[in-house]
Amino acid sequence: MTLLDLIEENSVSPPVNVEAIIRGLGIELNKKAELDAGIAGEIARLDSGKYRISANKDDHYFRQRFTLAHELAHFVFHRDLIGDGVDDDKLYRSTEGGNFYNTKIKKQHETEANRFAAVILMPKDLVIAAFERQPDVKALAKDFQVSPAAMEIRLRGLGSIN
């Protein structure tokens, strides 16, 4: 199954099942990772050649979902830059803290990963249709299982709110 098939299959209605997308690609998943307090998540290349995406166990579930989607973006777009792995701090920047410090991952890569995460978790058509039915950012955020801030940014990007 391709990435597009997995996304399509798991984004029929909110919330998008990002975990199923990750697992469908053969990536291990750890939502209970004991990461440094300043680390939101990481992607690591395992000795087997496969990958594992981890989210900090202490983060709220909605934040973990964004982290998982962000790390998935690194797998999709930046696999050639991952090396042994990438740690992302709470601002989703590669950092010296954690298990991996990857200087190949630059600000533009992190921005691309954030955009991908937003598109995966908040698909344009689903968000617009939901907003037309209920123009309440907090309610939409809850439905899509993302933070109100992430939903507001997505709605602004779609031109739905000023």
N, C-alpha and C. Protein backbone atom coordinates (compact mmCIF):
# COMPACT_ATOMS: atom_id res chain seq x y z
N MET A 1 0.85 -1.17 0.00
CA MET A 1 0.00 0.00 0.00
C MET A 1 0.90 1.24 0.00
N THR A 2 0.55 2.23 -0.79
CA THR A 2 1.35 3.45 -0.87
C THR A 2 0.97 4.42 0.23
N LEU A 3 1.80 5.43 0.43
CA LEU A 3 1.51 6.46 1.42
C LEU A 3 0.19 7.15 1.10
N LEU A 4 -0.03 7.47 -0.16
CA LEU A 4 -1.29 8.13 -0.53
C LEU A 4 -2.49 7.26 -0.23
N ASP A 5 -2.38 5.96 -0.48
CA ASP A 5 -3.47 5.04 -0.15
C ASP A 5 -3.74 5.04 1.35
N LEU A 6 -2.67 4.98 2.14
CA LEU A 6 -2.82 4.96 3.59
C LEU A 6 -3.46 6.25 4.10
N ILE A 7 -3.04 7.37 3.54
CA ILE A 7 -3.60 8.66 3.95
C ILE A 7 -5.07 8.71 3.58
N GLU A 8 -5.39 8.35 2.36
CA GLU A 8 -6.78 8.38 1.90
C GLU A 8 -7.67 7.48 2.75
N GLU A 9 -7.19 6.29 3.04
CA GLU A 9 -7.95 5.32 3.81
C GLU A 9 -8.18 5.77 5.24
N ASN A 10 -7.25 6.52 5.79
CA ASN A 10 -7.32 6.90 7.20
C ASN A 10 -7.71 8.36 7.44
N SER A 11 -8.18 9.04 6.40
CA SER A 11 -8.57 10.44 6.56
C SER A 11 -9.96 10.71 5.98
N VAL A 12 -10.85 9.76 6.16
CA VAL A 12 -12.22 9.90 5.68
C VAL A 12 -13.02 10.84 6.56
N SER A 13 -12.74 10.79 7.86
CA SER A 13 -13.40 11.67 8.82
C SER A 13 -12.42 11.93 9.96
N PRO A 14 -12.61 13.06 10.67
CA PRO A 14 -11.70 13.34 11.77
C PRO A 14 -11.98 12.44 12.97
N PRO A 15 -10.97 12.13 13.76
CA PRO A 15 -9.56 12.47 13.58
C PRO A 15 -8.87 11.50 12.62
N VAL A 16 -7.92 12.00 11.87
CA VAL A 16 -7.12 11.17 10.98
C VAL A 16 -6.30 10.20 11.82
N ASN A 17 -6.27 8.96 11.39
CA ASN A 17 -5.54 7.92 12.14
C ASN A 17 -4.08 7.90 11.70
N VAL A 18 -3.30 8.83 12.23
CA VAL A 18 -1.88 8.95 11.86
C VAL A 18 -1.09 7.72 12.30
N GLU A 19 -1.52 7.10 13.38
CA GLU A 19 -0.82 5.89 13.84
C GLU A 19 -0.95 4.77 12.84
N ALA A 20 -2.12 4.61 12.24
CA ALA A 20 -2.33 3.56 11.23
C ALA A 20 -1.49 3.85 9.99
N ILE A 21 -1.35 5.12 9.64
CA ILE A 21 -0.53 5.49 8.48
C ILE A 21 0.92 5.10 8.75
N ILE A 22 1.41 5.44 9.93
CA ILE A 22 2.79 5.13 10.29
C ILE A 22 3.03 3.63 10.29
N ARG A 23 2.17 2.90 10.97
CA ARG A 23 2.32 1.44 11.03
C ARG A 23 2.17 0.80 9.66
N GLY A 24 1.29 1.36 8.84
CA GLY A 24 1.07 0.84 7.49
C GLY A 24 2.32 0.95 6.61
N LEU A 25 3.18 1.88 6.96
CA LEU A 25 4.45 2.05 6.23
C LEU A 25 5.56 1.18 6.81
N GLY A 26 5.21 0.37 7.81
CA GLY A 26 6.21 -0.53 8.41
C GLY A 26 7.12 0.15 9.41
N ILE A 27 6.70 1.30 9.90
CA ILE A 27 7.49 2.05 10.88
C ILE A 27 7.01 1.67 12.27
N GLU A 28 7.96 1.38 13.15
CA GLU A 28 7.61 1.11 14.54
C GLU A 28 7.15 2.41 15.19
N LEU A 29 6.33 2.27 16.22
CA LEU A 29 5.75 3.43 16.88
C LEU A 29 5.89 3.29 18.39
N ASN A 30 6.35 4.36 19.05
CA ASN A 30 6.47 4.37 20.50
C ASN A 30 5.90 5.69 21.02
N LYS A 31 4.70 5.63 21.58
CA LYS A 31 4.06 6.83 22.14
C LYS A 31 4.37 6.99 23.62
N LYS A 32 5.12 6.05 24.17
CA LYS A 32 5.45 6.10 25.59
C LYS A 32 6.95 6.24 25.80
N ALA A 33 7.59 6.96 24.89
CA ALA A 33 9.04 7.11 24.94
C ALA A 33 9.45 7.99 26.11
N GLU A 34 10.48 7.57 26.79
CA GLU A 34 11.05 8.36 27.88
C GLU A 34 12.15 9.23 27.29
N LEU A 35 11.73 10.36 26.76
CA LEU A 35 12.64 11.30 26.12
C LEU A 35 12.95 12.44 27.08
N ASP A 36 14.05 13.14 26.86
CA ASP A 36 14.38 14.30 27.67
C ASP A 36 13.19 15.26 27.68
N ALA A 37 13.04 16.01 28.76
CA ALA A 37 11.89 16.90 28.92
C ALA A 37 11.73 17.89 27.76
N GLY A 38 12.82 18.32 27.17
CA GLY A 38 12.75 19.29 26.09
C GLY A 38 12.54 18.70 24.71
N ILE A 39 12.44 17.38 24.62
CA ILE A 39 12.31 16.69 23.34
C ILE A 39 10.86 16.25 23.12
N ALA A 40 10.27 16.66 22.00
CA ALA A 40 8.90 16.26 21.67
C ALA A 40 8.87 14.88 21.04
N GLY A 41 9.84 14.60 20.16
CA GLY A 41 9.84 13.31 19.49
C GLY A 41 11.13 13.07 18.73
N GLU A 42 11.20 11.87 18.18
CA GLU A 42 12.37 11.52 17.40
C GLU A 42 12.01 10.45 16.38
N ILE A 43 12.84 10.37 15.37
CA ILE A 43 12.79 9.25 14.44
C ILE A 43 14.19 8.65 14.45
N ALA A 44 14.23 7.33 14.55
CA ALA A 44 15.52 6.63 14.63
C ALA A 44 15.56 5.51 13.61
N ARG A 45 16.73 5.37 12.99
CA ARG A 45 16.95 4.21 12.10
C ARG A 45 17.47 3.08 12.98
N LEU A 46 16.80 1.95 12.92
CA LEU A 46 17.15 0.80 13.74
C LEU A 46 18.22 -0.04 13.05
N ASP A 47 18.86 -0.91 13.80
CA ASP A 47 19.89 -1.79 13.23
C ASP A 47 19.35 -2.63 12.08
N SER A 48 18.06 -2.94 12.12
CA SER A 48 17.43 -3.75 11.07
C SER A 48 17.25 -2.97 9.77
N GLY A 49 17.48 -1.65 9.81
CA GLY A 49 17.26 -0.81 8.65
C GLY A 49 15.88 -0.17 8.65
N LYS A 50 15.00 -0.65 9.53
CA LYS A 50 13.67 -0.05 9.66
C LYS A 50 13.78 1.20 10.53
N TYR A 51 12.65 1.88 10.69
CA TYR A 51 12.62 3.12 11.46
C TYR A 51 11.63 3.00 12.62
N ARG A 52 11.88 3.82 13.64
CA ARG A 52 10.95 3.93 14.75
C ARG A 52 10.69 5.42 15.00
N ILE A 53 9.42 5.76 15.12
CA ILE A 53 9.01 7.11 15.48
C ILE A 53 8.54 7.08 16.93
N SER A 54 9.07 8.01 17.72
CA SER A 54 8.72 8.08 19.14
C SER A 54 8.20 9.46 19.49
N ALA A 55 7.25 9.48 20.44
CA ALA A 55 6.73 10.73 20.98
C ALA A 55 6.92 10.70 22.49
N ASN A 56 7.21 11.86 23.06
CA ASN A 56 7.45 11.97 24.49
C ASN A 56 6.20 11.55 25.27
N LYS A 57 6.36 10.60 26.16
CA LYS A 57 5.24 10.05 26.93
C LYS A 57 4.58 11.11 27.80
N ASP A 58 5.29 12.17 28.14
CA ASP A 58 4.75 13.20 29.03
C ASP A 58 3.93 14.26 28.29
N ASP A 59 3.93 14.23 26.97
CA ASP A 59 3.17 15.22 26.20
C ASP A 59 1.70 14.82 26.08
N HIS A 60 0.84 15.82 25.96
CA HIS A 60 -0.59 15.60 25.75
C HIS A 60 -0.78 14.80 24.46
N TYR A 61 -1.81 13.97 24.44
CA TYR A 61 -2.07 13.11 23.27
C TYR A 61 -2.17 13.92 21.98
N PHE A 62 -2.82 15.08 22.00
CA PHE A 62 -2.96 15.87 20.77
C PHE A 62 -1.58 16.34 20.28
N ARG A 63 -0.72 16.73 21.22
CA ARG A 63 0.64 17.14 20.83
C ARG A 63 1.41 15.94 20.29
N GLN A 64 1.23 14.78 20.90
CA GLN A 64 1.89 13.57 20.41
C GLN A 64 1.48 13.30 18.96
N ARG A 65 0.22 13.48 18.64
CA ARG A 65 -0.25 13.23 17.27
C ARG A 65 0.49 14.14 16.28
N PHE A 66 0.64 15.42 16.64
CA PHE A 66 1.36 16.34 15.75
C PHE A 66 2.81 15.91 15.63
N THR A 67 3.41 15.52 16.75
CA THR A 67 4.80 15.05 16.74
C THR A 67 4.96 13.84 15.84
N LEU A 68 4.05 12.87 15.96
CA LEU A 68 4.12 11.67 15.12
C LEU A 68 4.04 12.04 13.64
N ALA A 69 3.12 12.94 13.29
CA ALA A 69 2.98 13.36 11.89
C ALA A 69 4.23 14.12 11.43
N HIS A 70 4.80 14.93 12.31
CA HIS A 70 6.02 15.68 11.99
C HIS A 70 7.18 14.71 11.72
N GLU A 71 7.33 13.72 12.57
CA GLU A 71 8.41 12.74 12.38
C GLU A 71 8.17 11.90 11.13
N LEU A 72 6.91 11.61 10.83
CA LEU A 72 6.58 10.90 9.59
C LEU A 72 7.04 11.70 8.38
N ALA A 73 6.90 13.01 8.45
CA ALA A 73 7.37 13.87 7.35
C ALA A 73 8.87 13.72 7.15
N HIS A 74 9.63 13.63 8.24
CA HIS A 74 11.07 13.41 8.09
C HIS A 74 11.33 12.09 7.37
N PHE A 75 10.56 11.07 7.67
CA PHE A 75 10.71 9.78 6.99
C PHE A 75 10.39 9.92 5.50
N VAL A 76 9.32 10.62 5.18
CA VAL A 76 8.87 10.74 3.79
C VAL A 76 9.81 11.63 2.98
N PHE A 77 10.17 12.77 3.52
CA PHE A 77 10.91 13.78 2.74
C PHE A 77 12.41 13.82 3.00
N HIS A 78 12.85 13.41 4.17
CA HIS A 78 14.24 13.65 4.57
C HIS A 78 14.98 12.38 4.96
N ARG A 79 14.51 11.25 4.48
CA ARG A 79 15.12 9.97 4.87
C ARG A 79 16.61 9.95 4.58
N ASP A 80 17.02 10.60 3.49
CA ASP A 80 18.44 10.62 3.14
C ASP A 80 19.27 11.48 4.10
N LEU A 81 18.60 12.29 4.93
CA LEU A 81 19.29 13.16 5.88
C LEU A 81 19.22 12.63 7.32
N ILE A 82 18.39 11.63 7.56
CA ILE A 82 18.15 11.16 8.92
C ILE A 82 19.39 10.55 9.56
N GLY A 83 20.18 9.81 8.79
CA GLY A 83 21.32 9.12 9.39
C GLY A 83 20.82 8.15 10.44
N ASP A 84 21.40 8.20 11.64
CA ASP A 84 20.94 7.32 12.73
C ASP A 84 19.64 7.81 13.33
N GLY A 85 19.38 9.12 13.22
CA GLY A 85 18.14 9.63 13.77
C GLY A 85 18.10 11.14 13.87
N VAL A 86 16.94 11.62 14.30
CA VAL A 86 16.70 13.05 14.48
C VAL A 86 15.86 13.23 15.74
N ASP A 87 16.29 14.12 16.62
CA ASP A 87 15.49 14.55 17.77
C ASP A 87 14.88 15.89 17.41
N ASP A 88 13.63 16.10 17.81
CA ASP A 88 13.01 17.41 17.64
C ASP A 88 12.58 17.93 19.00
N ASP A 89 12.95 19.18 19.28
CA ASP A 89 12.59 19.77 20.56
C ASP A 89 11.12 20.21 20.53
N LYS A 90 10.68 20.88 21.56
CA LYS A 90 9.28 21.29 21.68
C LYS A 90 8.87 22.29 20.61
N LEU A 91 9.84 22.96 19.99
CA LEU A 91 9.55 23.89 18.89
C LEU A 91 9.76 23.21 17.54
N TYR A 92 9.94 21.89 17.55
CA TYR A 92 10.18 21.09 16.35
C TYR A 92 11.39 21.59 15.58
N ARG A 93 12.49 21.66 16.30
CA ARG A 93 13.79 21.99 15.73
C ARG A 93 14.77 20.89 16.16
N SER A 94 15.63 20.47 15.24
CA SER A 94 16.67 19.51 15.59
C SER A 94 17.54 20.15 16.66
N THR A 95 17.87 19.38 17.67
CA THR A 95 18.52 19.95 18.84
C THR A 95 19.65 19.08 19.35
N GLU A 96 20.54 19.68 20.12
CA GLU A 96 21.65 18.95 20.72
C GLU A 96 21.18 18.02 21.83
N GLY A 97 20.05 18.33 22.44
CA GLY A 97 19.50 17.49 23.49
C GLY A 97 18.97 16.18 22.91
N GLY A 98 18.81 15.20 23.75
CA GLY A 98 18.24 13.94 23.29
C GLY A 98 19.27 12.94 22.81
N ASN A 99 18.82 11.99 22.03
CA ASN A 99 19.67 10.89 21.58
C ASN A 99 20.44 11.20 20.29
N PHE A 100 19.91 12.10 19.47
CA PHE A 100 20.52 12.39 18.17
C PHE A 100 20.59 13.90 17.98
N TYR A 101 21.72 14.35 17.51
CA TYR A 101 21.82 15.75 17.09
C TYR A 101 22.20 15.70 15.63
N ASN A 102 21.28 16.09 14.80
CA ASN A 102 21.46 15.95 13.36
C ASN A 102 21.57 17.33 12.73
N THR A 103 22.77 17.70 12.35
CA THR A 103 23.00 19.03 11.77
C THR A 103 22.58 19.10 10.30
N LYS A 104 22.23 17.96 9.71
CA LYS A 104 21.77 17.97 8.31
C LYS A 104 20.33 18.46 8.20
N ILE A 105 19.57 18.33 9.27
CA ILE A 105 18.18 18.79 9.27
C ILE A 105 18.17 20.28 9.59
N LYS A 106 17.76 21.06 8.60
CA LYS A 106 17.78 22.52 8.71
C LYS A 106 16.38 23.06 8.97
N LYS A 107 16.32 24.37 9.20
CA LYS A 107 15.04 25.02 9.49
C LYS A 107 14.01 24.75 8.39
N GLN A 108 14.42 24.78 7.14
CA GLN A 108 13.46 24.56 6.05
C GLN A 108 12.90 23.14 6.08
N HIS A 109 13.70 22.17 6.53
CA HIS A 109 13.22 20.79 6.65
C HIS A 109 12.17 20.70 7.76
N GLU A 110 12.43 21.40 8.87
CA GLU A 110 11.49 21.39 9.98
C GLU A 110 10.19 22.09 9.59
N THR A 111 10.29 23.18 8.84
CA THR A 111 9.10 23.88 8.37
C THR A 111 8.28 22.98 7.45
N GLU A 112 8.96 22.28 6.56
CA GLU A 112 8.29 21.34 5.66
C GLU A 112 7.60 20.22 6.46
N ALA A 113 8.26 19.73 7.49
CA ALA A 113 7.67 18.67 8.33
C ALA A 113 6.45 19.19 9.08
N ASN A 114 6.49 20.43 9.56
CA ASN A 114 5.32 21.01 10.24
C ASN A 114 4.14 21.16 9.28
N ARG A 115 4.43 21.60 8.08
CA ARG A 115 3.35 21.77 7.09
C ARG A 115 2.73 20.42 6.74
N PHE A 116 3.57 19.42 6.54
CA PHE A 116 3.08 18.07 6.24
C PHE A 116 2.20 17.56 7.38
N ALA A 117 2.65 17.77 8.61
CA ALA A 117 1.87 17.32 9.78
C ALA A 117 0.50 17.98 9.79
N ALA A 118 0.45 19.27 9.50
CA ALA A 118 -0.83 19.98 9.48
C ALA A 118 -1.75 19.44 8.38
N VAL A 119 -1.19 19.19 7.22
CA VAL A 119 -1.99 18.68 6.09
C VAL A 119 -2.50 17.27 6.38
N ILE A 120 -1.67 16.44 6.97
CA ILE A 120 -2.08 15.06 7.30
C ILE A 120 -3.19 15.07 8.35
N LEU A 121 -2.98 15.80 9.44
CA LEU A 121 -3.92 15.78 10.56
C LEU A 121 -5.17 16.61 10.32
N MET A 122 -5.05 17.60 9.45
CA MET A 122 -6.18 18.51 9.18
C MET A 122 -6.35 18.68 7.68
N PRO A 123 -6.82 17.64 6.99
CA PRO A 123 -6.97 17.71 5.53
C PRO A 123 -7.91 18.86 5.13
N LYS A 124 -7.50 19.57 4.11
CA LYS A 124 -8.20 20.77 3.66
C LYS A 124 -9.71 20.56 3.53
N ASP A 125 -10.13 19.58 2.77
CA ASP A 125 -11.56 19.38 2.52
C ASP A 125 -12.32 19.07 3.80
N LEU A 126 -11.74 18.25 4.66
CA LEU A 126 -12.40 17.91 5.92
C LEU A 126 -12.51 19.13 6.83
N VAL A 127 -11.45 19.91 6.90
CA VAL A 127 -11.46 21.10 7.77
C VAL A 127 -12.46 22.13 7.27
N ILE A 128 -12.46 22.39 5.98
CA ILE A 128 -13.38 23.39 5.43
C ILE A 128 -14.83 22.95 5.65
N ALA A 129 -15.14 21.71 5.37
CA ALA A 129 -16.51 21.21 5.57
C ALA A 129 -16.91 21.29 7.04
N ALA A 130 -16.01 20.92 7.94
CA ALA A 130 -16.31 20.97 9.37
C ALA A 130 -16.47 22.41 9.84
N PHE A 131 -15.64 23.31 9.34
CA PHE A 131 -15.72 24.72 9.72
C PHE A 131 -17.03 25.34 9.25
N GLU A 132 -17.50 24.94 8.06
CA GLU A 132 -18.78 25.46 7.56
C GLU A 132 -19.94 25.00 8.44
N ARG A 133 -19.84 23.80 8.98
CA ARG A 133 -20.89 23.28 9.87
C ARG A 133 -20.79 23.89 11.26
N GLN A 134 -19.56 24.11 11.73
CA GLN A 134 -19.34 24.58 13.09
C GLN A 134 -18.08 25.44 13.14
N PRO A 135 -18.23 26.76 12.99
CA PRO A 135 -17.06 27.64 12.95
C PRO A 135 -16.50 27.97 14.34
N ASP A 136 -16.18 26.93 15.09
CA ASP A 136 -15.64 27.08 16.44
C ASP A 136 -14.27 26.39 16.47
N VAL A 137 -13.22 27.18 16.59
CA VAL A 137 -11.85 26.66 16.53
C VAL A 137 -11.60 25.59 17.59
N LYS A 138 -12.03 25.84 18.82
CA LYS A 138 -11.78 24.87 19.90
C LYS A 138 -12.52 23.56 19.66
N ALA A 139 -13.75 23.64 19.19
CA ALA A 139 -14.52 22.42 18.91
C ALA A 139 -13.89 21.65 17.76
N LEU A 140 -13.46 22.36 16.72
CA LEU A 140 -12.80 21.70 15.58
C LEU A 140 -11.49 21.04 16.03
N ALA A 141 -10.73 21.75 16.85
CA ALA A 141 -9.46 21.20 17.34
C ALA A 141 -9.72 19.89 18.08
N LYS A 142 -10.74 19.87 18.89
CA LYS A 142 -11.08 18.65 19.62
C LYS A 142 -11.48 17.53 18.67
N ASP A 143 -12.30 17.85 17.67
CA ASP A 143 -12.73 16.84 16.70
C ASP A 143 -11.55 16.25 15.93
N PHE A 144 -10.60 17.10 15.56
CA PHE A 144 -9.45 16.66 14.78
C PHE A 144 -8.29 16.18 15.67
N GLN A 145 -8.48 16.31 16.98
CA GLN A 145 -7.48 15.91 17.97
C GLN A 145 -6.13 16.60 17.73
N VAL A 146 -6.20 17.92 17.62
CA VAL A 146 -5.03 18.78 17.51
C VAL A 146 -5.22 19.92 18.51
N SER A 147 -4.19 20.68 18.72
CA SER A 147 -4.31 21.82 19.63
C SER A 147 -5.12 22.93 18.96
N PRO A 148 -5.79 23.77 19.77
CA PRO A 148 -6.48 24.93 19.18
C PRO A 148 -5.53 25.82 18.38
N ALA A 149 -4.29 25.96 18.84
CA ALA A 149 -3.32 26.78 18.10
C ALA A 149 -3.04 26.18 16.72
N ALA A 150 -2.87 24.86 16.65
CA ALA A 150 -2.63 24.22 15.35
C ALA A 150 -3.83 24.39 14.43
N MET A 151 -5.04 24.24 14.98
CA MET A 151 -6.24 24.41 14.16
C MET A 151 -6.37 25.84 13.67
N GLU A 152 -6.09 26.80 14.53
CA GLU A 152 -6.18 28.20 14.12
C GLU A 152 -5.19 28.51 13.00
N ILE A 153 -3.98 28.02 13.13
CA ILE A 153 -2.97 28.24 12.08
C ILE A 153 -3.43 27.61 10.77
N ARG A 154 -3.98 26.40 10.84
CA ARG A 154 -4.46 25.72 9.63
C ARG A 154 -5.61 26.50 8.99
N LEU A 155 -6.56 26.96 9.80
CA LEU A 155 -7.70 27.72 9.26
C LEU A 155 -7.24 29.04 8.63
N ARG A 156 -6.27 29.69 9.24
CA ARG A 156 -5.71 30.92 8.65
C ARG A 156 -5.04 30.60 7.30
N GLY A 157 -4.29 29.52 7.27
CA GLY A 157 -3.62 29.12 6.04
C GLY A 157 -4.58 28.78 4.92
N LEU A 158 -5.76 28.29 5.29
CA LEU A 158 -6.79 27.95 4.31
C LEU A 158 -7.65 29.15 3.96
N GLY A 159 -7.43 30.29 4.63
CA GLY A 159 -8.21 31.49 4.36
C GLY A 159 -9.60 31.45 4.95
N SER A 160 -9.83 30.54 5.90
CA SER A 160 -11.15 30.42 6.51
C SER A 160 -11.38 31.45 7.61
N ILE A 161 -10.29 31.90 8.27
CA ILE A 161 -10.38 32.94 9.27
C ILE A 161 -9.25 33.93 9.04
N ASN A 162 -9.44 35.14 9.58
CA ASN A 162 -8.40 36.17 9.46
C ASN A 162 -7.44 36.10 10.62
